[in-house]
Amino acid sequence: MERESMEFDVVIVGAGPAGLSTACKLMQLANEKDQELMVCVVEKGSEVGAHILSGAVFEPRALNELFPDWKEKGAPLNTPVTEDHIYLLSDEASAKKLPNGITPKTMHNDGNYIVSMGNVSRWLADQAEQLGVEVFPGFAASDVIYNEDGSVGGVLTGDMGVGEDGEPKDGYMPGMELRAKYTVFAEGCRGHLGKELISHFKLDEDSSPQHYAIGFKEIWDIDPAKHQPGLVVHSAGWPLDDATGGSYLYHAEDNQVFVGLIVDLNYDNPYLSPFDEFQRLKHHPVFKQYLEGGKRVSYGARAIAKGGFNSLPKMTFPGGLLVGCDAGTLNFAKIKGNHTAMKSGMLAAESIFEAITENAEAPVKELTSFTDKFKSSWLYDELFRSRNFGPAIHKLGNFWGGAFNTLEQNVFNGNMFFTMKDEHKDYAQLKEAKDAQEISYPKPDGVLSFDKLSSVFLSNTNHEEDQPCHLKLKDPSIPIQVNLPKFAEPAQRYCPAGVYEVIEEEGEKRFQINAQNCVHCKTCDIKDPSQNIKWVVPEGAGGPNYPNM
């Protein structure tokens, strides 16, 4: 098929903090040197920020470097952190508040801000456009374009107007070729093109397996009398008896709180439902005291790449780079990945600009200078100092892992003389159902806890109904013939949006995929024990439409 093609110096996939920081830094450098540069950012969400979900307590270190005058430019960082409270929840009713001195200093948030990263991304997109970047929301990058020499030459955007049967409908529009000297992949955690590139170029052959968590977030309007702008609450322990992870409640602006739970995806009980664990959490007095009398206004979920330093793949390949959570630059010791994603994008921009300006006609294929810049940056140092955090939690559990991390961070400043690693893949940790304890979750009360479908409604998720399913089964027989008898088909529980169901009709069981519900969290692509589900991009602009996440 003949497709329209556009040529750029740089194409960036993903309008999150990593991609937009790459774009802004590139244009800043170009404008300083009076160099003409054509840069575009493609974003699969209906608008910039529509697919952004993050806690988020934001560390402004990278933003200070990128836009030192961000306050004057109106960046939406309006709520500085005023207090840190950290609790150990021992059961559904009791909790112990931990003194700051016995918690890892990486969990302290002096100088940070409670923000909506969706709104920060929208602001970054405005800055990028003012600098001359072309930003295209609603266009999903569906395939990598490879040049004849094997290098990456750009991306293909997805076709629009294809029916469920794979045939063009009225109004069909073929995707476009976006070609570039360099392509930067900033899709976020478990980006489907990033996953392909890591496999194609064997970028992770010297790394530990990537590790993941699923993170939930709800926004609540609460009683102004209970609102304490700038208060940050973190907790560990209950309700996660069968998993590791932690929870949070952040007092943002406008009498709102952000509440959520992070569940590590290396849990072993196939009956565990991360969504229901989150709903239970909100009944604990530490959280209930703020939420009671309030109203839930938004819901979402997203996978988090938490392997950190040990799991980082090689981030360069001929013709491009992986940045941000597409590579896994999140610092899980801080539960923060936005400032690290931004810095990785800024370093990528410096390497790309140097390569283009030093030899405009034939720039180097692989940006090896990026690796040198990365290793000499504060980003590398920060991730290195936190390298043992995740493995310690995985191996020792929340309590003893937390104690070890407090010792390492507060006494040794992250410079222990050894490196702990977790070489076990998350999906391979599930026990068989016969060896696991079933979990009975309480019914939601509709006041503090809710069901999946009413939650998905608040995410404003929508997909064109008549389109090919973007949740691909490599073997359609596996859910019923393998996963159901062996693991009680855990997709029914690990999916936070009710996408997967086992339906019984006339005595026969079948696996149903409600792709319309998908919030693009990628958990199924990660946790399926048979690795049978492949998440690919749906038609552009599909998925959640988060307003202030």
Protein backbone atom coordinates (compact mmCIF):
# COMPACT_ATOMS: atom_id res chain seq x y z
CA MET A 1 0.00 0.00 0.00
CA GLU A 2 1.23 3.49 -0.85
CA ARG A 3 1.22 5.68 2.21
CA GLU A 4 1.80 9.36 2.69
CA SER A 5 5.24 10.00 4.13
CA MET A 6 6.61 12.94 6.13
CA GLU A 7 10.27 13.58 6.86
CA PHE A 8 11.57 14.97 10.16
CA ASP A 9 14.92 15.28 11.82
CA VAL A 10 13.51 13.64 14.95
CA VAL A 11 10.28 11.75 15.62
CA ILE A 12 9.30 11.20 19.27
CA VAL A 13 6.72 8.57 20.21
CA GLY A 14 4.78 9.57 23.31
CA ALA A 15 3.83 12.96 24.75
CA GLY A 16 4.64 12.22 28.37
CA PRO A 17 7.36 13.85 30.49
CA ALA A 18 10.18 11.93 28.76
CA GLY A 19 9.08 12.60 25.19
CA LEU A 20 8.17 16.24 25.72
CA SER A 21 11.39 16.96 27.62
CA THR A 22 13.32 15.46 24.70
CA ALA A 23 11.44 17.73 22.29
CA CYS A 24 11.85 20.88 24.39
CA LYS A 25 15.56 20.34 24.96
CA LEU A 26 16.15 19.66 21.25
CA MET A 27 14.49 22.90 20.23
CA GLN A 28 16.21 24.90 22.96
CA LEU A 29 19.57 23.70 21.63
CA ALA A 30 18.52 24.38 18.04
CA ASN A 31 17.33 27.90 18.86
CA GLU A 32 20.52 28.67 20.80
CA LYS A 33 22.63 27.68 17.77
CA ASP A 34 20.20 29.17 15.22
CA GLN A 35 19.86 25.69 13.74
CA GLU A 36 16.75 24.64 11.85
CA LEU A 37 15.35 21.41 13.22
CA MET A 38 12.11 19.58 12.43
CA VAL A 39 10.80 17.68 15.44
CA CYS A 40 7.43 15.99 15.88
CA VAL A 41 5.79 14.19 18.80
CA VAL A 42 3.03 11.63 18.19
CA GLU A 43 0.67 10.76 21.04
CA LYS A 44 -1.90 7.93 21.00
CA GLY A 45 -4.20 9.65 23.50
CA SER A 46 -7.01 11.89 22.29
CA GLU A 47 -5.09 14.84 23.74
CA VAL A 48 -1.80 15.34 25.52
CA GLY A 49 -2.25 14.07 29.08
CA ALA A 50 -5.23 11.82 28.29
CA HIS A 51 -3.18 8.68 29.03
CA ILE A 52 -0.96 10.09 31.78
CA LEU A 53 -1.47 8.54 35.20
CA SER A 54 0.94 9.17 38.06
CA GLY A 55 0.61 9.64 41.83
CA ALA A 56 2.29 12.13 41.83
CA VAL A 57 4.76 13.73 44.18
CA PHE A 58 7.03 15.49 41.73
CA GLU A 59 10.71 16.22 42.24
CA PRO A 60 11.53 19.36 40.19
CA ARG A 61 15.24 18.67 39.66
CA ALA A 62 15.04 18.01 35.92
CA LEU A 63 12.42 20.72 35.40
CA ASN A 64 14.73 23.23 37.09
CA GLU A 65 17.36 22.38 34.47
CA LEU A 66 15.00 22.39 31.51
CA PHE A 67 13.03 25.53 32.40
CA PRO A 68 14.71 27.42 35.26
CA ASP A 69 11.90 29.99 35.00
CA TRP A 70 9.08 27.45 35.20
CA LYS A 71 7.28 29.42 37.91
CA GLU A 72 7.14 32.53 35.73
CA LYS A 73 5.98 30.36 32.81
CA GLY A 74 3.05 29.08 34.88
CA ALA A 75 3.99 25.42 35.34
CA PRO A 76 1.20 23.72 37.34
CA LEU A 77 3.26 23.00 40.46
CA ASN A 78 0.97 24.64 42.98
CA THR A 79 1.10 22.45 46.09
CA PRO A 80 4.47 22.07 47.83
CA VAL A 81 4.80 19.10 50.17
CA THR A 82 4.41 20.24 53.78
CA GLU A 83 4.45 16.97 55.75
CA ASP A 84 5.41 13.30 55.27
CA HIS A 85 3.49 10.64 57.20
CA ILE A 86 4.53 7.00 56.80
CA TYR A 87 2.49 4.19 58.35
CA LEU A 88 2.89 0.46 58.78
CA LEU A 89 -0.60 -1.03 58.57
CA SER A 90 -0.74 -4.25 60.60
CA ASP A 91 -4.37 -5.16 59.90
CA GLU A 92 -7.66 -3.67 58.74
CA ALA A 93 -7.99 -1.43 61.78
CA SER A 94 -4.58 -0.66 63.26
CA ALA A 95 -1.49 1.22 62.11
CA LYS A 96 1.80 2.44 63.47
CA LYS A 97 3.16 5.79 62.35
CA LEU A 98 6.89 5.50 61.69
CA PRO A 99 9.32 8.24 62.70
CA ASN A 100 11.15 9.79 59.74
CA GLY A 101 14.46 8.63 61.19
CA ILE A 102 13.64 4.95 60.64
CA THR A 103 12.34 5.28 57.09
CA PRO A 104 14.56 5.48 53.98
CA LYS A 105 15.49 9.08 53.28
CA THR A 106 14.47 8.49 49.66
CA MET A 107 10.87 8.58 50.96
CA HIS A 108 11.22 12.11 52.31
CA ASN A 109 9.75 14.83 50.11
CA ASP A 110 11.15 18.20 51.17
CA GLY A 111 11.16 20.52 48.16
CA ASN A 112 8.77 18.37 46.13
CA TYR A 113 5.27 19.14 44.84
CA ILE A 114 1.95 17.30 44.65
CA VAL A 115 0.90 17.57 41.01
CA SER A 116 -1.27 16.22 38.23
CA MET A 117 1.27 14.87 35.74
CA GLY A 118 -1.42 15.04 33.07
CA ASN A 119 -1.52 18.80 33.57
CA VAL A 120 2.28 19.05 33.78
CA SER A 121 2.47 17.19 30.45
CA ARG A 122 -0.07 19.57 28.89
CA TRP A 123 2.08 22.49 30.06
CA LEU A 124 5.22 20.86 28.65
CA ALA A 125 3.42 20.37 25.32
CA ASP A 126 2.58 24.08 25.26
CA GLN A 127 6.25 24.91 25.85
CA ALA A 128 7.29 22.48 23.10
CA GLU A 129 4.90 24.01 20.59
CA GLN A 130 6.08 27.52 21.44
CA LEU A 131 9.63 26.32 20.72
CA GLY A 132 8.58 24.99 17.29
CA VAL A 133 7.76 21.32 17.93
CA GLU A 134 4.83 19.74 16.07
CA VAL A 135 2.66 17.75 18.50
CA PHE A 136 0.14 15.30 17.02
CA PRO A 137 -2.30 13.83 19.58
CA GLY A 138 -4.71 11.11 18.50
CA PHE A 139 -2.12 9.31 16.36
CA ALA A 140 -0.93 5.91 17.55
CA ALA A 141 2.52 4.76 16.42
CA SER A 142 1.70 1.18 15.46
CA ASP A 143 4.87 -0.12 13.80
CA VAL A 144 8.60 0.56 13.61
CA ILE A 145 10.01 1.43 10.18
CA TYR A 146 13.35 -0.28 9.57
CA ASN A 147 15.78 0.97 6.93
CA GLU A 148 17.49 -1.39 4.48
CA ASP A 149 20.60 -1.43 6.66
CA GLY A 150 18.55 -2.58 9.67
CA SER A 151 18.52 0.76 11.47
CA VAL A 152 15.30 2.38 12.68
CA GLY A 153 13.99 4.93 10.20
CA GLY A 154 10.82 6.14 11.88
CA VAL A 155 7.35 4.86 12.71
CA LEU A 156 4.11 4.05 10.97
CA THR A 157 0.93 5.47 12.48
CA GLY A 158 -2.05 3.15 12.75
CA ASP A 159 -4.76 2.98 10.12
CA MET A 160 -8.03 4.71 11.04
CA GLY A 161 -11.43 3.31 10.13
CA VAL A 162 -10.72 -0.42 10.03
CA GLY A 163 -13.57 -2.74 10.99
CA GLU A 164 -13.47 -5.60 13.44
CA ASP A 165 -13.19 -7.94 10.45
CA GLY A 166 -10.01 -6.17 9.32
CA GLU A 167 -11.71 -4.56 6.31
CA PRO A 168 -11.74 -0.79 5.65
CA LYS A 169 -14.94 1.02 6.63
CA ASP A 170 -16.35 4.24 5.20
CA GLY A 171 -13.95 7.04 6.07
CA TYR A 172 -10.94 4.71 6.13
CA MET A 173 -7.61 6.56 6.40
CA PRO A 174 -4.34 4.64 6.01
CA GLY A 175 -1.59 5.38 8.50
CA MET A 176 1.30 7.65 7.60
CA GLU A 177 5.01 7.01 7.47
CA LEU A 178 6.84 9.40 9.81
CA ARG A 179 10.49 9.11 8.85
CA ALA A 180 13.38 10.61 10.77
CA LYS A 181 17.13 10.65 11.20
CA TYR A 182 16.46 9.58 14.80
CA THR A 183 13.38 8.17 16.50
CA VAL A 184 12.93 8.45 20.26
CA PHE A 185 10.59 5.97 21.95
CA ALA A 186 8.97 7.45 25.05
CA GLU A 187 5.78 5.36 25.25
CA GLY A 188 5.84 4.84 29.01
CA CYS A 189 5.95 1.51 30.85
CA ARG A 190 5.84 -1.59 28.61
CA GLY A 191 5.55 0.42 25.42
CA HIS A 192 4.59 -2.02 22.69
CA LEU A 193 7.19 -0.67 20.24
CA GLY A 194 9.80 -0.43 22.99
CA LYS A 195 9.14 -4.07 23.82
CA GLU A 196 9.65 -4.98 20.14
CA LEU A 197 12.89 -2.99 19.92
CA ILE A 198 14.30 -4.53 23.10
CA SER A 199 13.70 -7.97 21.64
CA HIS A 200 14.80 -7.10 18.07
CA PHE A 201 18.12 -5.54 19.09
CA LYS A 202 18.61 -7.79 22.19
CA LEU A 203 18.94 -4.66 24.31
CA ASP A 204 18.29 -6.51 27.59
CA GLU A 205 20.70 -9.44 27.18
CA ASP A 206 23.00 -8.08 29.91
CA SER A 207 20.20 -6.95 32.27
CA SER A 208 18.08 -8.50 34.98
CA PRO A 209 14.46 -9.07 33.93
CA GLN A 210 12.33 -5.95 34.14
CA HIS A 211 10.01 -5.96 37.16
CA TYR A 212 6.60 -4.33 37.32
CA ALA A 213 3.83 -3.21 39.61
CA ILE A 214 0.29 -2.11 38.91
CA GLY A 215 -0.54 1.30 40.30
CA PHE A 216 -4.09 2.49 41.03
CA LYS A 217 -5.21 6.07 41.49
CA GLU A 218 -8.46 7.75 42.40
CA ILE A 219 -9.15 11.45 42.80
CA TRP A 220 -11.59 12.42 45.54
CA ASP A 221 -13.26 15.70 46.44
CA ILE A 222 -13.20 15.73 50.24
CA ASP A 223 -14.62 17.80 53.08
CA PRO A 224 -12.61 21.07 53.20
CA ALA A 225 -12.38 20.68 56.99
CA LYS A 226 -10.34 17.48 56.46
CA HIS A 227 -8.13 18.84 53.68
CA GLN A 228 -4.48 19.57 54.46
CA PRO A 229 -2.79 20.84 51.27
CA GLY A 230 0.71 19.40 50.95
CA LEU A 231 0.24 16.41 53.29
CA VAL A 232 1.79 13.21 51.90
CA VAL A 233 0.73 9.86 53.42
CA HIS A 234 2.46 6.59 52.50
CA SER A 235 1.85 3.14 53.96
CA ALA A 236 3.06 -0.43 53.69
CA GLY A 237 1.66 -3.71 55.00
CA TRP A 238 -2.08 -4.44 55.04
CA PRO A 239 -4.00 -5.19 52.85
CA LEU A 240 -1.14 -6.81 50.92
CA ASP A 241 -0.78 -10.06 52.85
CA ASP A 242 -0.03 -12.00 49.63
CA ALA A 243 2.02 -9.35 47.83
CA THR A 244 4.48 -6.53 48.31
CA GLY A 245 3.78 -2.90 47.50
CA GLY A 246 2.44 0.16 49.24
CA SER A 247 -0.23 2.83 49.27
CA TYR A 248 -0.46 6.60 49.18
CA LEU A 249 -2.76 9.53 49.83
CA TYR A 250 -1.71 13.00 48.69
CA HIS A 251 -3.56 16.20 49.61
CA ALA A 252 -3.53 18.21 46.38
CA GLU A 253 -5.13 21.58 45.62
CA ASP A 254 -8.86 22.46 45.47
CA ASN A 255 -9.90 20.18 48.36
CA GLN A 256 -8.87 17.09 46.45
CA VAL A 257 -6.85 14.06 47.50
CA PHE A 258 -5.12 11.49 45.29
CA VAL A 259 -5.37 7.99 46.77
CA GLY A 260 -3.86 4.81 45.41
CA LEU A 261 -2.24 1.43 45.87
CA ILE A 262 0.82 -0.07 44.18
CA VAL A 263 0.90 -3.88 43.94
CA ASP A 264 4.10 -5.58 42.80
CA LEU A 265 3.33 -7.96 39.94
CA ASN A 266 5.58 -10.74 41.22
CA TYR A 267 2.82 -11.94 43.57
CA ASP A 268 2.26 -15.70 43.56
CA ASN A 269 -1.42 -16.21 44.48
CA PRO A 270 -3.52 -16.44 41.28
CA TYR A 271 -6.64 -15.56 43.29
CA LEU A 272 -5.27 -12.14 44.26
CA SER A 273 -7.14 -9.20 42.74
CA PRO A 274 -5.09 -5.97 42.87
CA PHE A 275 -8.24 -3.92 42.21
CA ASP A 276 -10.08 -5.44 45.18
CA GLU A 277 -7.04 -5.00 47.41
CA PHE A 278 -7.19 -1.28 46.56
CA GLN A 279 -10.90 -1.09 47.34
CA ARG A 280 -10.27 -2.74 50.73
CA LEU A 281 -7.49 -0.29 51.51
CA LYS A 282 -9.82 2.72 51.56
CA HIS A 283 -11.75 1.29 54.53
CA HIS A 284 -8.67 1.48 56.76
CA PRO A 285 -9.01 4.29 59.33
CA VAL A 286 -5.80 5.98 58.05
CA PHE A 287 -7.53 6.54 54.68
CA LYS A 288 -11.19 6.49 55.68
CA GLN A 289 -10.74 9.52 57.94
CA TYR A 290 -10.12 11.69 54.88
CA LEU A 291 -12.39 9.99 52.32
CA GLU A 292 -15.54 9.62 54.43
CA GLY A 293 -18.11 12.16 53.30
CA GLY A 294 -16.20 12.80 50.09
CA LYS A 295 -16.91 11.96 46.47
CA ARG A 296 -14.81 9.90 44.05
CA VAL A 297 -14.40 11.81 40.77
CA SER A 298 -11.78 9.87 38.79
CA TYR A 299 -10.21 6.41 38.55
CA GLY A 300 -7.35 4.87 36.62
CA ALA A 301 -4.64 2.21 36.64
CA ARG A 302 -1.25 1.84 35.01
CA ALA A 303 1.67 -0.58 35.11
CA ILE A 304 4.92 0.73 36.59
CA ALA A 305 8.40 -0.42 35.50
CA LYS A 306 10.20 -0.82 38.82
CA GLY A 307 13.25 -2.96 38.07
CA GLY A 308 15.46 0.14 38.21
CA PHE A 309 19.20 0.13 37.61
CA ASN A 310 19.66 -3.65 37.38
CA SER A 311 16.91 -4.02 34.77
CA LEU A 312 17.87 -1.14 32.48
CA PRO A 313 18.30 -2.31 28.89
CA LYS A 314 20.82 -0.79 26.53
CA MET A 315 18.98 2.39 25.61
CA THR A 316 20.52 3.06 22.18
CA PHE A 317 20.25 1.19 18.89
CA PRO A 318 20.90 2.18 15.27
CA GLY A 319 18.58 5.08 14.48
CA GLY A 320 17.08 5.74 17.89
CA LEU A 321 16.79 5.56 21.66
CA LEU A 322 14.51 4.38 24.45
CA VAL A 323 13.88 6.96 27.18
CA GLY A 324 11.88 7.23 30.39
CA CYS A 325 9.68 4.36 31.48
CA ASP A 326 9.98 2.75 28.03
CA ALA A 327 13.50 1.92 29.24
CA GLY A 328 12.59 1.69 32.93
CA THR A 329 14.31 4.73 34.44
CA LEU A 330 11.89 5.03 37.39
CA ASN A 331 13.52 5.22 40.83
CA PHE A 332 11.36 2.87 42.89
CA ALA A 333 13.16 3.77 46.10
CA LYS A 334 11.53 7.18 45.75
CA ILE A 335 8.39 5.88 43.97
CA LYS A 336 9.20 8.57 41.41
CA GLY A 337 9.86 8.34 37.71
CA ASN A 338 8.85 11.68 36.27
CA HIS A 339 12.05 13.62 36.99
CA THR A 340 14.18 10.65 35.87
CA ALA A 341 12.15 10.28 32.66
CA MET A 342 12.61 13.97 31.93
CA LYS A 343 16.37 13.80 32.50
CA SER A 344 16.76 10.76 30.23
CA GLY A 345 14.96 12.67 27.48
CA MET A 346 17.15 15.74 27.97
CA LEU A 347 20.31 13.62 27.68
CA ALA A 348 18.90 12.00 24.54
CA ALA A 349 18.26 15.45 23.06
CA GLU A 350 21.86 16.52 23.69
CA SER A 351 23.24 13.43 21.96
CA ILE A 352 20.88 13.75 19.00
CA PHE A 353 21.59 17.44 18.51
CA GLU A 354 25.34 16.89 18.57
CA ALA A 355 25.07 14.06 16.03
CA ILE A 356 22.88 16.05 13.64
CA THR A 357 24.92 19.25 13.77
CA GLU A 358 28.32 17.57 13.55
CA ASN A 359 27.43 15.72 10.35
CA ALA A 360 24.10 16.87 8.96
CA GLU A 361 24.31 14.80 5.77
CA ALA A 362 25.22 11.48 7.38
CA PRO A 363 24.77 11.53 11.17
CA VAL A 364 26.07 8.55 13.11
CA LYS A 365 23.66 5.62 13.17
CA GLU A 366 23.98 4.74 16.87
CA LEU A 367 24.22 7.44 19.50
CA THR A 368 26.94 5.93 21.67
CA SER A 369 27.54 9.38 23.17
CA PHE A 370 24.24 9.00 25.01
CA THR A 371 25.65 6.14 27.10
CA ASP A 372 28.61 8.31 28.12
CA LYS A 373 26.33 11.23 29.02
CA PHE A 374 24.02 8.93 30.97
CA LYS A 375 26.86 7.37 32.98
CA SER A 376 28.24 10.77 33.96
CA SER A 377 24.83 12.20 34.94
CA TRP A 378 23.02 12.48 38.26
CA LEU A 379 20.38 10.18 36.78
CA TYR A 380 22.82 7.26 36.63
CA ASP A 381 24.10 8.02 40.13
CA GLU A 382 20.58 8.19 41.55
CA LEU A 383 19.50 4.91 39.98
CA PHE A 384 22.73 3.18 41.03
CA ARG A 385 22.28 4.21 44.67
CA SER A 386 18.76 2.76 44.62
CA ARG A 387 19.64 -0.49 42.83
CA ASN A 388 19.02 -2.74 45.87
CA PHE A 389 15.64 -1.33 46.88
CA GLY A 390 13.38 -3.51 44.73
CA PRO A 391 15.35 -6.76 45.11
CA ALA A 392 15.42 -6.30 48.89
CA ILE A 393 11.64 -5.91 49.05
CA HIS A 394 11.14 -8.91 46.74
CA LYS A 395 13.52 -11.17 48.67
CA LEU A 396 12.89 -10.01 52.25
CA GLY A 397 9.32 -8.68 52.16
CA ASN A 398 7.94 -5.26 53.05
CA PHE A 399 9.14 -5.18 56.68
CA TRP A 400 12.66 -6.60 56.52
CA GLY A 401 13.20 -5.27 53.00
CA GLY A 402 12.18 -1.85 54.28
CA ALA A 403 14.57 -2.17 57.24
CA PHE A 404 17.43 -3.10 54.91
CA ASN A 405 16.67 -0.16 52.63
CA THR A 406 16.58 2.24 55.56
CA LEU A 407 20.04 1.02 56.58
CA GLU A 408 21.40 1.24 53.04
CA GLN A 409 20.00 4.68 52.25
CA ASN A 410 20.36 6.41 55.62
CA VAL A 411 23.70 4.96 56.74
CA PHE A 412 25.50 3.94 53.54
CA ASN A 413 23.92 6.58 51.27
CA GLY A 414 23.06 3.91 48.70
CA ASN A 415 26.67 2.73 48.42
CA MET A 416 26.55 -0.77 49.86
CA PHE A 417 29.52 -2.89 48.74
CA PHE A 418 27.28 -5.44 47.01
CA THR A 419 24.39 -5.52 44.55
CA MET A 420 21.26 -7.56 45.14
CA LYS A 421 19.44 -8.83 42.05
CA ASP A 422 16.11 -10.44 41.33
CA GLU A 423 16.46 -12.66 38.27
CA HIS A 424 12.93 -14.11 38.47
CA LYS A 425 10.36 -12.96 35.92
CA ASP A 426 7.17 -11.59 37.44
CA TYR A 427 4.76 -13.67 35.35
CA ALA A 428 6.54 -16.91 36.28
CA GLN A 429 5.87 -16.50 40.02
CA LEU A 430 2.24 -17.63 40.06
CA LYS A 431 1.50 -20.81 41.96
CA GLU A 432 -0.97 -23.26 40.52
CA ALA A 433 -4.49 -22.70 41.80
CA LYS A 434 -4.50 -26.04 43.65
CA ASP A 435 -1.57 -24.83 45.77
CA ALA A 436 -3.02 -21.38 46.53
CA GLN A 437 -5.52 -20.06 49.03
CA GLU A 438 -8.68 -18.57 47.55
CA ILE A 439 -9.33 -14.97 48.63
CA SER A 440 -12.83 -13.77 49.48
CA TYR A 441 -13.17 -10.03 48.98
CA PRO A 442 -15.95 -7.99 50.60
CA LYS A 443 -18.60 -6.56 48.31
CA PRO A 444 -18.09 -2.86 47.54
CA ASP A 445 -20.27 -0.56 49.60
CA GLY A 446 -20.64 2.13 46.91
CA VAL A 447 -19.39 4.72 49.41
CA LEU A 448 -15.67 4.04 49.84
CA SER A 449 -15.29 0.95 47.65
CA PHE A 450 -16.67 0.32 44.18
CA ASP A 451 -16.91 -2.25 41.41
CA LYS A 452 -14.76 -2.35 38.28
CA LEU A 453 -17.34 -1.17 35.78
CA SER A 454 -18.35 1.96 37.69
CA SER A 455 -14.64 2.67 38.10
CA VAL A 456 -13.91 2.30 34.37
CA PHE A 457 -16.79 4.71 33.72
CA LEU A 458 -14.90 7.38 35.69
CA SER A 459 -11.80 6.86 33.54
CA ASN A 460 -13.73 8.13 30.48
CA THR A 461 -12.45 5.13 28.54
CA ASN A 462 -13.73 4.71 25.02
CA HIS A 463 -12.72 2.74 21.93
CA GLU A 464 -14.39 2.69 18.55
CA GLU A 465 -16.49 -0.44 18.94
CA ASP A 466 -16.11 -1.76 15.39
CA GLN A 467 -12.32 -2.09 15.22
CA PRO A 468 -9.87 -5.00 15.47
CA CYS A 469 -9.28 -6.15 19.05
CA HIS A 470 -5.98 -4.70 20.31
CA LEU A 471 -5.55 -7.50 22.88
CA LYS A 472 -4.09 -10.31 20.79
CA LEU A 473 -4.06 -13.94 21.90
CA LYS A 474 -1.12 -15.84 20.44
CA ASP A 475 -3.11 -19.05 20.98
CA PRO A 476 -6.87 -18.56 21.58
CA SER A 477 -7.17 -21.98 23.24
CA ILE A 478 -4.78 -21.26 26.13
CA PRO A 479 -7.11 -19.25 28.44
CA ILE A 480 -9.63 -22.09 28.78
CA GLN A 481 -7.44 -25.13 28.20
CA VAL A 482 -4.34 -24.06 30.18
CA ASN A 483 -4.83 -20.95 32.32
CA LEU A 484 -8.27 -21.86 33.67
CA PRO A 485 -7.49 -25.35 35.05
CA LYS A 486 -3.95 -24.48 36.08
CA PHE A 487 -4.27 -20.90 37.42
CA ALA A 488 -8.06 -20.30 37.68
CA GLU A 489 -7.54 -17.89 34.74
CA PRO A 490 -6.05 -14.95 36.67
CA ALA A 491 -6.78 -12.43 33.87
CA GLN A 492 -10.26 -12.16 35.44
CA ARG A 493 -8.59 -10.70 38.53
CA TYR A 494 -5.33 -8.96 37.57
CA CYS A 495 -7.05 -6.77 34.97
CA PRO A 496 -8.26 -3.58 36.71
CA ALA A 497 -10.98 -2.86 34.15
CA GLY A 498 -13.06 -6.03 33.72
CA VAL A 499 -11.67 -6.70 30.25
CA TYR A 500 -11.33 -10.48 30.66
CA GLU A 501 -14.16 -12.83 31.62
CA VAL A 502 -14.77 -16.57 31.60
CA ILE A 503 -18.34 -17.06 30.38
CA GLU A 504 -20.29 -20.32 30.63
CA GLU A 505 -22.84 -21.01 27.89
CA GLU A 506 -24.71 -24.31 27.53
CA GLY A 507 -22.17 -26.00 29.79
CA GLU A 508 -19.20 -24.74 27.77
CA LYS A 509 -16.74 -22.17 29.04
CA ARG A 510 -15.33 -19.49 26.75
CA PHE A 511 -12.92 -16.59 27.22
CA GLN A 512 -14.40 -13.17 26.53
CA ILE A 513 -12.37 -10.01 25.89
CA ASN A 514 -14.20 -6.73 26.53
CA ALA A 515 -11.60 -4.59 24.77
CA GLN A 516 -13.85 -1.52 25.03
CA ASN A 517 -13.05 -1.39 28.78
CA CYS A 518 -9.25 -1.38 28.41
CA VAL A 519 -7.51 1.47 30.28
CA HIS A 520 -4.15 0.68 28.61
CA CYS A 521 -2.47 -0.37 31.85
CA LYS A 522 -0.56 -3.25 30.12
CA THR A 523 -0.90 -5.57 33.15
CA CYS A 524 -2.21 -8.42 30.98
CA ASP A 525 0.83 -8.20 28.70
CA ILE A 526 3.03 -8.50 31.80
CA LYS A 527 1.30 -10.94 34.18
CA ASP A 528 -0.32 -13.57 31.95
CA PRO A 529 1.40 -16.77 33.17
CA SER A 530 1.45 -18.24 29.65
CA GLN A 531 2.66 -14.97 28.07
CA ASN A 532 -0.16 -15.45 25.59
CA ILE A 533 -1.58 -11.89 25.56
CA LYS A 534 0.05 -9.26 23.39
CA TRP A 535 -1.07 -5.66 23.86
CA VAL A 536 -0.90 -3.56 20.69
CA VAL A 537 -2.14 -0.02 20.10
CA PRO A 538 -5.80 0.36 19.19
CA GLU A 539 -7.02 3.06 16.84
CA GLY A 540 -5.62 6.49 17.71
CA ALA A 541 -7.48 8.49 20.41
CA GLY A 542 -8.89 5.28 21.96
CA GLY A 543 -8.50 4.42 25.63
CA PRO A 544 -8.90 6.48 28.79
CA ASN A 545 -9.36 10.23 28.81
CA TYR A 546 -7.95 11.22 32.17
CA PRO A 547 -8.69 14.88 32.95
CA ASN A 548 -6.30 15.61 35.86
CA MET A 549 -4.36 12.42 36.56
